[in-house]
């Protein structure tokens, strides 16, 4: 399967995940709005998610996938299978301990994440209660990350990419049926979402098992202390652990930034955490469909090219990924900056979600949009370092960017409130991506191919026409006033998106961009 087809498959399945995720957020916005309890749920759900990104999809994946790809390239499948068993054993023991500590320390975790919730005692207590129940979710997702690393290395992308849909379906069921049922029982309805999260985590892990069994790569986990000691002594485990330490610091930087932002948002107007969460959900469409899809496909390919000492293929892979990022991320950023209000109004403005919530979510989304190109480019550039088993460089860059982001928070938040937090993240991502790019070029790992200047001008010209079209359409229709005409508003948005795609891609074609070259690559 070609890179483009692999990336397209992952992107389409990710689109399904994001659509169901959007339905989930829409139902939550309609049922619960933006209140102290929704802030409490978002904080409680963010704690295991933070640790998941920190340990599972973050540091662990960044260390595990390059080692796995290199082992398969150099040592063959049998040795790789044995290494996976040892790593899975250590992971299982570590996760058991983490979950026990997390449940016991939930009050401290909630206070560290969002002490501002204490403005509403009921909100703080609810966050602690939900954190305790949802904390085992990190265990499910860490093993999902292990499975995804194996399947992606074997170029089986479908199951890992489709897995997140199951979480969203479980949470949709919780919001649509569980919450009303809890209400009839006299239980706080938002607690139903906790059950949805746990069910979703169970389903996500369960679907990995048949796929791994078909490959003969289903890990065998040792439950005895002697087995753990042997697993810890395995060279593959030691190599992953060694790489995880700097990776952990690097991912920690991003998560520390998220923690600080959540802490700041919890002290702002009630609903600020939720407004940022709703905006983040929309921003995840382009970042996941493009950035995550490319990162998933490129990392094992880059690691294999590096293991084979094929520098030309390595550079060409990065060049293709970056061109695709510019081609698709620039118009998405334009759309978020010029068409945010219609998007938010059409997707969220129902039930308990007020016109004020629309406005506050809109400005947060625009803040994220300012750095969308950087947020997506990092997903391609960082694997360029991980594949070389160089995790220290991205870490050093991330630490500096964290400090820069917090300085921007000091400037922006007093004037822009929660939107300032989003803007600081976006601009910090732009700095991070540029720094990573310069680092790869200076190391000789990446040499941009000919024609970049012309390509960039073509994309900018087409994006300028797109911006004019979207600004005209945003001003032409009162999207908030159409709340009572939901189908009409959805239909108008669909036509607007179709028109935007036509304007952009027809403009690119007329400017001389050959779109087929991306497919052939």
Protein backbone atom coordinates (compact mmCIF):
# COMPACT_ATOMS: atom_id res chain seq x y z
CA UNK A 1 0.00 0.00 0.00
CA UNK A 2 1.39 3.43 -0.98
CA UNK A 3 2.05 6.12 1.60
CA UNK A 4 -0.83 8.20 0.28
CA UNK A 5 -3.28 5.29 0.44
CA UNK A 6 -2.11 4.38 3.94
CA UNK A 7 -2.42 7.97 5.11
CA UNK A 8 -5.82 8.27 3.41
CA UNK A 9 -7.08 5.12 5.14
CA UNK A 10 -5.94 6.38 8.52
CA UNK A 11 -7.35 9.82 7.75
CA UNK A 12 -10.78 8.48 6.74
CA UNK A 13 -11.03 6.30 9.82
CA UNK A 14 -9.85 9.22 11.94
CA UNK A 15 -12.57 11.32 10.29
CA UNK A 16 -15.13 8.76 11.46
CA UNK A 17 -13.64 9.03 14.93
CA UNK A 18 -13.80 12.82 14.90
CA UNK A 19 -17.36 12.89 13.54
CA UNK A 20 -18.55 10.56 16.28
CA UNK A 21 -16.51 12.61 18.73
CA UNK A 22 -18.25 15.73 17.53
CA UNK A 23 -21.64 14.07 17.95
CA UNK A 24 -20.55 13.18 21.46
CA UNK A 25 -19.60 16.78 22.24
CA UNK A 26 -22.79 18.06 20.60
CA UNK A 27 -24.92 15.82 22.80
CA UNK A 28 -22.97 16.85 25.89
CA UNK A 29 -23.24 20.54 24.99
CA UNK A 30 -26.97 20.20 24.45
CA UNK A 31 -27.58 18.13 27.58
CA UNK A 32 -25.20 19.81 30.03
CA UNK A 33 -24.15 23.14 28.46
CA UNK A 34 -21.12 24.86 30.03
CA UNK A 35 -21.47 24.66 33.81
CA UNK A 36 -19.53 23.80 36.95
CA UNK A 37 -20.38 20.11 36.51
CA UNK A 38 -19.31 20.00 32.85
CA UNK A 39 -16.08 21.70 33.91
CA UNK A 40 -15.73 18.99 36.60
CA UNK A 41 -16.24 16.19 34.07
CA UNK A 42 -13.82 17.74 31.58
CA UNK A 43 -11.16 18.05 34.30
CA UNK A 44 -11.78 14.50 35.55
CA UNK A 45 -11.63 13.08 32.01
CA UNK A 46 -8.54 15.17 31.24
CA UNK A 47 -6.52 13.61 34.11
CA UNK A 48 -6.40 10.02 32.76
CA UNK A 49 -6.16 11.46 29.24
CA UNK A 50 -3.17 13.55 30.30
CA UNK A 51 -1.44 10.48 31.69
CA UNK A 52 -2.43 8.48 28.60
CA UNK A 53 -0.76 11.06 26.37
CA UNK A 54 2.17 11.26 28.76
CA UNK A 55 2.91 7.55 29.13
CA UNK A 56 0.97 5.61 26.49
CA UNK A 57 0.53 7.50 23.23
CA UNK A 58 3.32 9.90 24.15
CA UNK A 59 6.62 8.75 25.63
CA UNK A 60 5.92 5.04 25.25
CA UNK A 61 4.91 5.19 21.57
CA UNK A 62 7.78 7.51 20.68
CA UNK A 63 10.26 5.08 22.22
CA UNK A 64 8.55 1.78 21.37
CA UNK A 65 7.78 2.17 17.64
CA UNK A 66 11.35 3.04 16.48
CA UNK A 67 12.82 0.20 18.57
CA UNK A 68 10.16 -2.21 17.30
CA UNK A 69 10.69 -1.22 13.64
CA UNK A 70 14.47 -1.47 13.97
CA UNK A 71 14.24 -4.89 15.69
CA UNK A 72 12.00 -6.25 12.95
CA UNK A 73 14.29 -4.86 10.24
CA UNK A 74 17.50 -6.28 11.76
CA UNK A 75 16.49 -9.30 13.88
CA UNK A 76 13.32 -10.71 12.30
CA UNK A 77 9.82 -11.44 13.58
CA UNK A 78 10.64 -14.12 16.17
CA UNK A 79 13.05 -11.95 18.14
CA UNK A 80 10.66 -9.04 17.85
CA UNK A 81 7.81 -11.16 19.21
CA UNK A 82 9.88 -12.10 22.26
CA UNK A 83 10.76 -8.45 22.85
CA UNK A 84 7.08 -7.46 22.72
CA UNK A 85 6.23 -10.07 25.39
CA UNK A 86 8.85 -8.66 27.74
CA UNK A 87 7.81 -5.04 27.20
CA UNK A 88 4.13 -5.90 27.69
CA UNK A 89 4.93 -7.61 30.99
CA UNK A 90 6.74 -4.57 32.39
CA UNK A 91 3.97 -2.30 31.11
CA UNK A 92 1.24 -4.36 32.82
CA UNK A 93 2.93 -4.19 36.22
CA UNK A 94 3.64 -0.47 35.90
CA UNK A 95 0.04 0.29 34.92
CA UNK A 96 -1.40 -1.67 37.83
CA UNK A 97 0.63 0.38 40.28
CA UNK A 98 -0.24 3.64 38.47
CA UNK A 99 -3.99 2.95 38.60
CA UNK A 100 -3.90 2.13 42.33
CA UNK A 101 -2.00 5.32 43.10
CA UNK A 102 -4.26 7.36 40.82
CA UNK A 103 -7.47 6.23 42.49
CA UNK A 104 -6.06 6.89 45.93
CA UNK A 105 -4.61 10.27 45.02
CA UNK A 106 -7.57 11.63 43.03
CA UNK A 107 -8.17 14.68 45.31
CA UNK A 108 -4.56 15.79 44.94
CA UNK A 109 -4.66 15.28 41.16
CA UNK A 110 -7.85 17.32 40.77
CA UNK A 111 -6.47 20.11 42.94
CA UNK A 112 -3.22 20.15 40.91
CA UNK A 113 -5.13 20.20 37.63
CA UNK A 114 -7.88 22.70 38.49
CA UNK A 115 -7.87 24.10 42.00
CA UNK A 116 -10.28 26.79 40.79
CA UNK A 117 -13.05 24.19 40.88
CA UNK A 118 -13.11 24.78 44.63
CA UNK A 119 -15.11 27.92 43.85
CA UNK A 120 -17.95 25.42 43.56
CA UNK A 121 -17.48 22.75 46.29
CA UNK A 122 -19.95 20.43 44.57
CA UNK A 123 -17.97 20.77 41.34
CA UNK A 124 -14.69 19.85 43.04
CA UNK A 125 -16.22 16.84 44.81
CA UNK A 126 -17.80 15.67 41.56
CA UNK A 127 -14.46 15.95 39.77
CA UNK A 128 -12.76 13.81 42.44
CA UNK A 129 -15.51 11.20 42.29
CA UNK A 130 -15.39 10.97 38.48
CA UNK A 131 -11.57 10.90 38.42
CA UNK A 132 -11.51 7.86 40.70
CA UNK A 133 -13.92 5.94 38.53
CA UNK A 134 -12.33 6.92 35.21
CA UNK A 135 -8.70 6.47 36.21
CA UNK A 136 -8.46 2.81 35.06
CA UNK A 137 -9.06 4.17 31.55
CA UNK A 138 -5.31 4.86 31.35
CA UNK A 139 -4.67 1.13 31.72
CA UNK A 140 -6.90 0.24 28.78
CA UNK A 141 -5.43 2.96 26.57
CA UNK A 142 -1.81 2.13 27.36
CA UNK A 143 -2.31 -1.39 26.04
CA UNK A 144 -4.17 0.04 23.06
CA UNK A 145 -1.05 2.14 22.37
CA UNK A 146 1.13 -0.99 22.59
CA UNK A 147 -1.17 -2.80 20.16
CA UNK A 148 -1.27 0.17 17.78
CA UNK A 149 2.52 0.32 17.68
CA UNK A 150 2.70 -3.35 16.70
CA UNK A 151 -0.08 -3.17 14.09
CA UNK A 152 1.24 0.03 12.51
CA UNK A 153 4.75 -1.43 12.25
CA UNK A 154 3.25 -4.39 10.38
CA UNK A 155 1.39 -1.83 8.19
CA UNK A 156 -2.03 -2.81 9.55
CA UNK A 157 -3.42 0.69 10.09
CA UNK A 158 -7.18 0.12 10.04
CA UNK A 159 -7.85 -1.26 13.54
CA UNK A 160 -5.78 1.33 15.47
CA UNK A 161 -7.28 4.19 13.46
CA UNK A 162 -10.87 2.98 13.90
CA UNK A 163 -10.54 2.16 17.61
CA UNK A 164 -11.37 5.68 18.95
CA UNK A 165 -14.81 5.44 17.36
CA UNK A 166 -15.75 2.88 20.02
CA UNK A 167 -15.09 5.32 22.86
CA UNK A 168 -17.23 7.95 21.18
CA UNK A 169 -20.08 5.50 20.54
CA UNK A 170 -20.02 4.42 24.20
CA UNK A 171 -20.07 8.05 25.38
CA UNK A 172 -22.85 8.93 22.92
CA UNK A 173 -24.92 6.11 24.40
CA UNK A 174 -24.13 7.42 27.88
CA UNK A 175 -25.23 10.97 26.98
CA UNK A 176 -28.28 9.92 24.98
CA UNK A 177 -29.66 7.14 27.16
CA UNK A 178 -27.59 6.85 30.31
CA UNK A 179 -27.96 10.47 31.46
CA UNK A 180 -31.80 10.54 31.23
CA UNK A 181 -31.94 7.17 33.00
CA UNK A 182 -29.68 8.45 35.81
CA UNK A 183 -31.93 11.49 36.15
CA UNK A 184 -35.00 9.29 36.70
CA UNK A 185 -33.04 7.46 39.43
CA UNK A 186 -32.18 10.73 41.17
CA UNK A 187 -28.46 10.42 40.27
CA UNK A 188 -26.53 13.36 38.81
CA UNK A 189 -26.93 12.76 35.02
CA UNK A 190 -23.35 13.67 34.09
CA UNK A 191 -22.11 10.66 36.09
CA UNK A 192 -23.43 8.50 33.27
CA UNK A 193 -20.53 9.77 31.16
CA UNK A 194 -18.13 8.00 33.52
CA UNK A 195 -19.70 4.66 32.61
CA UNK A 196 -19.42 5.59 28.93
CA UNK A 197 -15.67 6.22 29.29
CA UNK A 198 -15.02 2.89 31.03
CA UNK A 199 -17.13 0.96 28.52
CA UNK A 200 -15.35 2.71 25.64
CA UNK A 201 -11.91 1.85 27.05
CA UNK A 202 -12.89 -1.81 27.41
CA UNK A 203 -14.18 -2.00 23.84
CA UNK A 204 -11.08 -0.26 22.44
CA UNK A 205 -8.80 -2.83 24.01
CA UNK A 206 -11.00 -5.78 23.10
CA UNK A 207 -10.90 -5.14 19.32
CA UNK A 208 -7.08 -5.20 19.33
CA UNK A 209 -6.93 -8.82 20.44
CA UNK A 210 -8.20 -10.55 17.23
CA UNK A 211 -5.99 -8.32 15.05
CA UNK A 212 -2.87 -9.12 17.09
CA UNK A 213 -3.73 -12.82 17.21
CA UNK A 214 -3.97 -12.96 13.39
CA UNK A 215 -0.42 -11.58 13.19
CA UNK A 216 0.79 -13.97 15.87
CA UNK A 217 1.81 -10.93 17.92
CA UNK A 218 -0.62 -11.12 20.85
CA UNK A 219 1.60 -10.37 23.88
CA UNK A 220 2.01 -12.94 26.63
CA UNK A 221 2.15 -11.16 29.98
CA UNK A 222 4.10 -12.68 32.88
CA UNK A 223 2.30 -12.47 36.21
CA UNK A 224 5.09 -13.72 38.49
CA UNK A 225 7.78 -11.59 40.10
CA UNK A 226 10.55 -13.67 38.52
CA UNK A 227 9.00 -13.11 35.10
CA UNK A 228 8.94 -9.37 35.71
CA UNK A 229 12.63 -9.36 36.64
CA UNK A 230 13.50 -11.27 33.47
CA UNK A 231 11.38 -8.93 31.37
CA UNK A 232 13.05 -5.88 32.92
CA UNK A 233 16.50 -7.29 32.08
CA UNK A 234 15.68 -7.81 28.38
CA UNK A 235 17.74 -5.51 26.08
CA UNK A 236 14.63 -4.36 24.19
CA UNK A 237 12.93 -3.31 27.41
CA UNK A 238 16.03 -1.46 28.53
CA UNK A 239 16.31 0.30 25.17
CA UNK A 240 12.66 1.42 25.26
CA UNK A 241 13.03 2.56 28.87
CA UNK A 242 16.20 4.49 28.05
CA UNK A 243 14.48 6.27 25.18
CA UNK A 244 11.35 6.86 27.25
CA UNK A 245 13.15 9.00 29.82
CA UNK A 246 13.88 11.93 27.48
CA UNK A 247 10.62 11.26 25.63
CA UNK A 248 8.78 11.44 28.93
CA UNK A 249 10.31 14.82 29.61
CA UNK A 250 9.36 16.01 26.13
CA UNK A 251 5.76 14.87 26.39
CA UNK A 252 5.64 16.16 29.95
CA UNK A 253 6.39 19.62 28.66
CA UNK A 254 3.29 19.59 26.47
CA UNK A 255 1.17 18.12 29.25
CA UNK A 256 2.54 20.56 31.82
CA UNK A 257 1.47 23.33 29.46
CA UNK A 258 -2.00 21.76 29.29
CA UNK A 259 -2.11 21.43 33.06
CA UNK A 260 -1.12 25.08 33.55
CA UNK A 261 -3.72 26.21 31.02
CA UNK A 262 -6.45 24.14 32.68
CA UNK A 263 -5.43 25.54 36.06
CA UNK A 264 -5.61 29.11 34.72
CA UNK A 265 -8.93 28.46 32.93
CA UNK A 266 -10.45 27.04 36.14
CA UNK A 267 -9.89 30.43 37.79
CA UNK A 268 -11.53 32.37 34.94
CA UNK A 269 -15.26 32.70 34.25
CA UNK A 270 -17.24 29.52 34.91
CA UNK A 271 -17.44 27.60 31.65
CA UNK A 272 -13.94 28.54 30.46
CA UNK A 273 -12.64 24.96 30.70
CA UNK A 274 -15.63 23.74 28.71
CA UNK A 275 -15.31 26.47 26.04
CA UNK A 276 -11.69 25.47 25.47
CA UNK A 277 -12.70 21.80 25.36
CA UNK A 278 -15.41 22.39 22.75
CA UNK A 279 -12.99 24.46 20.63
CA UNK A 280 -10.31 21.82 21.00
CA UNK A 281 -12.73 19.19 19.71
CA UNK A 282 -13.22 21.14 16.47
CA UNK A 283 -9.52 21.85 16.14
CA UNK A 284 -8.82 18.13 16.42
CA UNK A 285 -10.52 17.49 13.07
CA UNK A 286 -7.62 18.80 10.96
CA UNK A 287 -4.88 17.93 13.46
CA UNK A 288 -5.99 14.31 13.77
CA UNK A 289 -7.08 13.70 10.18
CA UNK A 290 -3.85 15.06 8.77
CA UNK A 291 -1.20 15.36 11.48
CA UNK A 292 -1.93 12.17 13.40
CA UNK A 293 -2.54 10.18 10.20
CA UNK A 294 0.79 11.25 8.72
CA UNK A 295 2.64 10.67 11.98
CA UNK A 296 1.23 7.16 12.32
CA UNK A 297 2.17 6.23 8.75
CA UNK A 298 5.54 7.99 8.58
CA UNK A 299 7.15 6.99 11.90
CA UNK A 300 7.62 3.25 11.17
CA UNK A 301 8.64 4.05 7.56
CA UNK A 302 11.18 6.63 8.71
CA UNK A 303 12.54 4.24 11.34
CA UNK A 304 12.92 1.49 8.73
CA UNK A 305 14.68 3.87 6.33
CA UNK A 306 17.01 4.95 9.12
CA UNK A 307 17.75 1.34 10.08
CA UNK A 308 18.57 0.58 6.43
CA UNK A 309 20.79 3.72 6.28
CA UNK A 310 18.75 5.04 3.33
CA UNK A 311 19.13 8.80 3.77
CA UNK A 312 17.54 9.70 0.43
CA UNK A 313 14.33 7.82 1.18
CA UNK A 314 14.31 9.28 4.68
CA UNK A 315 14.50 12.85 3.35
CA UNK A 316 11.94 12.19 0.61
CA UNK A 317 9.46 10.82 3.15
CA UNK A 318 9.74 14.01 5.21
CA UNK A 319 9.46 16.21 2.13
CA UNK A 320 6.28 14.47 0.98
CA UNK A 321 4.75 14.73 4.43
CA UNK A 322 5.56 18.43 4.80
CA UNK A 323 4.18 19.30 1.37
CA UNK A 324 0.95 17.53 2.21
CA UNK A 325 0.80 19.41 5.52
CA UNK A 326 1.15 22.78 3.78
CA UNK A 327 -1.33 21.79 1.06
CA UNK A 328 -4.10 20.91 3.53
CA UNK A 329 -3.28 22.66 6.82
CA UNK A 330 -3.07 26.21 5.45
CA UNK A 331 -6.67 26.26 4.12
CA UNK A 332 -7.89 24.62 7.34
CA UNK A 333 -6.22 27.39 9.35
CA UNK A 334 -7.84 29.99 7.11
CA UNK A 335 -11.23 28.37 7.73
CA UNK A 336 -10.79 28.39 11.52
CA UNK A 337 -9.79 32.06 11.49
CA UNK A 338 -12.50 33.33 9.14
CA UNK A 339 -15.38 30.89 9.55
CA UNK A 340 -15.19 29.86 13.23
CA UNK A 341 -18.54 31.36 14.30
CA UNK A 342 -20.64 29.53 11.67
CA UNK A 343 -18.89 26.26 12.54
CA UNK A 344 -19.47 26.62 16.29
CA UNK A 345 -23.06 27.83 15.90
CA UNK A 346 -24.06 25.04 13.53
CA UNK A 347 -22.44 22.25 15.50
CA UNK A 348 -23.04 23.29 19.12
CA UNK A 349 -25.82 25.90 19.36
CA UNK A 350 -28.62 23.66 20.67
CA UNK A 351 -30.34 23.05 24.00
CA UNK A 352 -28.35 24.37 26.96
CA UNK A 353 -25.58 25.77 24.74
CA UNK A 354 -26.30 29.52 24.61
CA UNK A 355 -25.32 32.28 22.17
CA UNK A 356 -22.76 33.42 24.75
CA UNK A 357 -21.24 29.95 24.68
CA UNK A 358 -21.08 30.23 20.88
CA UNK A 359 -19.12 33.48 21.09
CA UNK A 360 -16.73 32.27 23.78
CA UNK A 361 -16.03 28.99 21.97
CA UNK A 362 -15.54 30.89 18.70
CA UNK A 363 -12.74 33.10 20.02
CA UNK A 364 -11.01 30.06 21.54
CA UNK A 365 -11.22 28.24 18.20
CA UNK A 366 -9.71 31.23 16.39
CA UNK A 367 -6.82 31.21 18.87
CA UNK A 368 -6.09 27.57 18.09
CA UNK A 369 -6.47 28.27 14.37
CA UNK A 370 -3.62 30.79 14.45
CA UNK A 371 -1.19 27.94 15.14
CA UNK A 372 -2.86 25.09 13.28
CA UNK A 373 -0.07 24.77 10.70
CA UNK A 374 2.48 24.36 13.49
CA UNK A 375 0.34 21.91 15.46
CA UNK A 376 0.05 19.65 12.40
CA UNK A 377 3.63 20.09 11.16
CA UNK A 378 4.99 18.91 14.53
CA UNK A 379 3.30 15.54 13.91
CA UNK A 380 5.54 15.09 10.85
CA UNK A 381 8.73 16.81 12.05
CA UNK A 382 8.98 15.22 15.51
CA UNK A 383 8.91 11.64 14.10
CA UNK A 384 11.88 12.73 11.99
CA UNK A 385 13.86 12.89 15.24
CA UNK A 386 12.17 9.89 16.93
CA UNK A 387 13.01 7.64 13.97
CA UNK A 388 16.68 8.55 14.48
CA UNK A 389 16.20 7.65 18.16
CA UNK A 390 17.02 11.27 18.95
CA UNK A 391 14.43 12.32 21.49
CA UNK A 392 16.58 14.78 23.40
CA UNK A 393 16.48 17.48 20.71
CA UNK A 394 12.65 17.75 20.54
CA UNK A 395 12.66 17.77 24.35
CA UNK A 396 15.02 20.72 24.57
CA UNK A 397 12.93 22.61 22.04
CA UNK A 398 9.72 21.78 23.89
CA UNK A 399 11.11 23.06 27.20
CA UNK A 400 11.96 26.45 25.69
CA UNK A 401 8.59 26.62 23.92
CA UNK A 402 6.83 25.85 27.22
CA UNK A 403 8.52 28.85 28.83
CA UNK A 404 7.66 31.00 25.82
CA UNK A 405 4.01 29.85 25.92
CA UNK A 406 3.66 30.81 29.57
CA UNK A 407 5.19 34.23 28.88
CA UNK A 408 2.56 34.68 26.17
CA UNK A 409 -0.13 33.66 28.66
CA UNK A 410 1.00 36.49 30.93
CA UNK A 411 0.48 38.90 28.03
CA UNK A 412 -2.67 37.48 26.42
CA UNK A 413 -4.85 36.16 29.27
CA UNK A 414 -5.50 39.53 31.00
CA UNK A 415 -6.93 40.87 27.73
CA UNK A 416 -8.29 37.77 25.95
CA UNK A 417 -9.15 35.50 28.93
CA UNK A 418 -9.49 31.84 27.85
CA UNK A 419 -8.94 32.74 24.18
CA UNK A 420 -5.48 33.97 25.17
CA UNK A 421 -4.65 30.46 26.39
CA UNK A 422 -5.60 29.01 23.01
CA UNK A 423 -3.65 31.67 21.12
CA UNK A 424 -0.52 31.07 23.21
CA UNK A 425 -0.69 27.34 22.44
CA UNK A 426 -1.11 28.04 18.74
CA UNK A 427 1.79 30.48 18.47
CA UNK A 428 3.99 28.24 20.61
CA UNK A 429 3.32 25.37 18.19
CA UNK A 430 4.44 27.52 15.27
CA UNK A 431 7.75 28.25 17.00
CA UNK A 432 8.17 24.58 17.90
CA UNK A 433 7.57 23.39 14.32
CA UNK A 434 9.95 25.94 12.81
CA UNK A 435 12.68 25.00 15.28
CA UNK A 436 12.26 21.27 14.52
CA UNK A 437 12.43 21.95 10.79
CA UNK A 438 15.63 23.97 11.09
CA UNK A 439 17.14 21.23 13.27
CA UNK A 440 16.47 18.49 10.70
CA UNK A 441 17.90 20.60 7.88
CA UNK A 442 21.05 21.50 9.82
CA UNK A 443 21.68 17.84 10.66
CA UNK A 444 21.45 16.93 7.00
CA UNK A 445 18.56 14.57 7.75
CA UNK A 446 16.20 16.56 5.55
CA UNK A 447 17.00 18.34 2.31
CA UNK A 448 13.98 20.19 0.84
CA UNK A 449 13.38 19.18 -2.76
CA UNK A 450 13.19 21.71 -5.57
CA UNK A 451 10.10 23.86 -6.12
CA UNK A 452 9.13 24.74 -2.55
CA UNK A 453 8.96 28.52 -3.10
CA UNK A 454 6.62 28.19 -6.07
CA UNK A 455 4.48 25.63 -4.27
CA UNK A 456 4.14 27.88 -1.20
CA UNK A 457 3.05 30.85 -3.33
CA UNK A 458 0.45 28.70 -5.10
CA UNK A 459 -1.01 27.54 -1.79
CA UNK A 460 -1.05 31.07 -0.34
CA UNK A 461 -2.81 32.48 -3.43
CA UNK A 462 -5.51 29.79 -3.33
CA UNK A 463 -5.90 30.27 0.44
CA UNK A 464 -6.35 34.04 -0.01
CA UNK A 465 -9.26 33.42 -2.39
CA UNK A 466 -10.69 30.93 0.09
CA UNK A 467 -10.47 33.53 2.89
CA UNK A 468 -12.41 36.09 0.84
CA UNK A 469 -15.13 33.52 0.07
CA UNK A 470 -15.48 32.41 3.71
CA UNK A 471 -15.53 35.96 5.14
CA UNK A 472 -18.26 36.92 2.69
CA UNK A 473 -20.31 33.86 3.60
CA UNK A 474 -19.83 34.35 7.36
CA UNK A 475 -21.15 37.92 7.12
CA UNK A 476 -23.93 37.07 4.68
CA UNK A 477 -25.82 34.69 7.02
CA UNK A 478 -26.77 35.20 10.69
CA UNK A 479 -25.73 31.73 11.79
CA UNK A 480 -26.71 32.17 15.44
CA UNK A 481 -30.21 33.41 14.58
CA UNK A 482 -30.86 30.19 12.66
CA UNK A 483 -31.00 28.13 15.87
CA UNK A 484 -34.70 27.40 15.33
CA UNK A 485 -33.97 26.20 11.77
CA UNK A 486 -31.41 23.51 12.48
CA UNK A 487 -31.76 21.59 9.21
CA UNK A 488 -31.49 24.77 7.17
CA UNK A 489 -28.37 25.81 9.06
CA UNK A 490 -26.74 22.38 8.63
CA UNK A 491 -27.59 22.42 4.93
CA UNK A 492 -26.07 25.87 4.51
CA UNK A 493 -22.91 24.76 6.30
CA UNK A 494 -22.61 21.68 4.08
CA UNK A 495 -22.94 23.84 0.96
CA UNK A 496 -20.42 26.31 2.38
CA UNK A 497 -17.85 23.55 3.02
CA UNK A 498 -18.41 22.09 -0.46
CA UNK A 499 -18.04 25.54 -2.01
CA UNK A 500 -14.87 26.17 0.00
CA UNK A 501 -13.33 22.92 -1.24
CA UNK A 502 -14.17 23.84 -4.84
CA UNK A 503 -12.77 27.36 -4.50
CA UNK A 504 -9.51 26.11 -3.00
CA UNK A 505 -8.77 23.09 -5.16
CA UNK A 506 -9.88 24.70 -8.43
CA UNK A 507 -7.65 27.69 -7.58
CA UNK A 508 -4.74 25.33 -6.90
CA UNK A 509 -5.26 23.54 -10.19
CA UNK A 510 -5.43 26.81 -12.12
CA UNK A 511 -2.24 27.92 -10.33
CA UNK A 512 -0.47 24.82 -11.67
CA UNK A 513 -0.36 22.50 -8.66
CA UNK A 514 -0.40 18.85 -9.77
CA UNK A 515 -2.41 17.11 -7.07
CA UNK A 516 -1.77 13.67 -8.53
CA UNK A 517 1.88 13.84 -7.52
CA UNK A 518 0.85 13.41 -3.89
CA UNK A 519 -1.13 10.27 -4.74
CA UNK A 520 1.68 8.76 -6.78
CA UNK A 521 4.17 9.32 -4.00
